[in-house]
Protein backbone atom coordinates (compact mmCIF):
# COMPACT_ATOMS: atom_id res chain seq x y z
CA MET A 1 20.02 -129.88 87.37
CA ILE A 2 20.79 -126.19 87.95
CA ASP A 3 18.55 -124.64 90.53
CA VAL A 4 16.92 -121.20 90.07
CA VAL A 5 18.16 -120.10 93.50
CA TYR A 6 21.74 -121.00 92.52
CA ILE A 7 21.53 -118.89 89.35
CA ALA A 8 20.00 -115.99 91.30
CA THR A 9 22.84 -116.24 93.84
CA ILE A 10 25.48 -116.09 91.10
CA ILE A 11 23.78 -113.12 89.44
CA SER A 12 23.50 -111.32 92.80
CA ALA A 13 27.18 -111.96 93.61
CA CYS A 14 28.24 -110.64 90.19
CA THR A 15 26.05 -107.57 90.65
CA VAL A 16 27.60 -106.83 94.06
CA ILE A 17 31.14 -107.23 92.72
CA VAL A 18 30.50 -105.00 89.69
CA GLY A 19 28.72 -102.45 91.89
CA GLY A 20 31.68 -102.35 94.26
CA ILE A 21 34.11 -101.84 91.39
CA LEU A 22 31.95 -99.05 89.97
CA ALA A 23 31.70 -97.37 93.40
CA VAL A 24 35.49 -97.36 93.76
CA PHE A 25 35.88 -95.97 90.24
CA LYS A 26 33.30 -93.24 90.91
CA PHE A 27 35.05 -92.25 94.13
CA TYR A 28 38.44 -92.07 92.41
CA ASP A 29 37.02 -90.05 89.51
CA SER A 30 35.20 -87.58 91.76
CA SER A 31 38.30 -87.02 93.91
CA LYS A 32 40.36 -86.42 90.77
CA ARG A 33 37.85 -83.83 89.52
CA ARG A 34 37.78 -82.19 92.96
CA ASP A 35 41.59 -81.93 92.92
CA GLU A 36 41.48 -80.32 89.48
CA ARG A 37 38.91 -77.78 90.68
CA HIS A 38 41.07 -77.00 93.72
CA GLU A 39 44.13 -76.48 91.52
CA LYS A 40 42.21 -74.04 89.31
CA GLU A 41 40.97 -72.16 92.38
CA ILE A 42 44.49 -71.99 93.84
CA LYS A 43 45.83 -70.55 90.56
CA LYS A 44 43.11 -67.88 90.59
CA ILE A 45 43.88 -66.99 94.21
CA LYS A 46 47.61 -66.74 93.48
CA ALA A 47 46.97 -64.43 90.52
CA GLU A 48 44.72 -62.26 92.67
CA ASN A 49 47.30 -62.11 95.46
CA THR A 50 49.96 -61.06 92.95
CA LEU A 51 47.77 -58.20 91.74
CA LEU A 52 47.11 -57.14 95.33
CA CYS A 53 50.84 -57.14 96.07
CA TYR A 54 51.50 -54.95 93.02
CA GLY A 55 48.76 -52.60 94.19
CA VAL A 56 50.26 -52.35 97.67
CA LEU A 57 53.67 -51.79 96.11
CA ALA A 58 52.25 -48.92 94.04
CA CYS A 59 50.68 -47.42 97.17
CA LEU A 60 53.96 -47.66 99.04
CA ASP A 61 55.74 -46.03 96.11
CA GLY A 62 53.21 -43.18 96.16
CA LEU A 63 53.60 -42.73 99.91
CA GLU A 64 57.36 -42.64 99.54
CA GLN A 65 57.08 -39.98 96.83
CA LEU A 66 54.84 -37.92 99.13
CA GLY A 67 57.48 -38.04 101.84
CA ALA A 68 56.18 -40.73 104.21
CA ASN A 69 59.64 -42.11 104.85
CA HIS A 70 59.36 -43.67 108.30
CA THR A 71 58.86 -47.38 107.53
CA VAL A 72 57.62 -47.03 103.96
CA PRO A 73 61.02 -47.51 102.22
CA ASP A 74 61.84 -50.56 104.34
CA THR A 75 58.43 -52.10 103.74
CA LYS A 76 58.67 -51.36 100.03
CA LYS A 77 62.07 -53.08 99.83
CA MET A 78 60.77 -56.10 101.75
CA LEU A 79 57.76 -56.40 99.43
CA GLN A 80 59.95 -56.07 96.31
CA LYS A 81 62.29 -58.72 97.68
CA HIS A 82 59.35 -61.02 98.39
CA LEU A 83 57.88 -60.54 94.91
CA ASN A 84 61.24 -61.20 93.25
CA LYS A 85 61.79 -64.33 95.33
CA ALA A 86 58.26 -65.57 94.62
CA ALA A 87 58.72 -64.99 90.89
CA HIS A 88 61.88 -67.08 90.85
CA ASP A 89 60.42 -69.84 93.04
CA ASP A 90 57.56 -70.44 90.58
CA GLU A 91 59.89 -71.23 87.69
């Protein structure tokens, strides 16, 4: 005859196994969502950095037009080179 304690033990073991599987699935799913959020945030930061670089480039261009020619032309060329290289690296 099947004992009540034996049935309770089987049900408890099944519950622990299913709970463990669900915990692993939840952890995997949450880490995947976190990675997606990080990727979105990184894309936003990259877009913002690009706009800032274009702004700095415009400022350097303005300074060069006003006659500030000490290190401005060299810095402007370096920034243009960096932006061109970064644009080709993303492709």
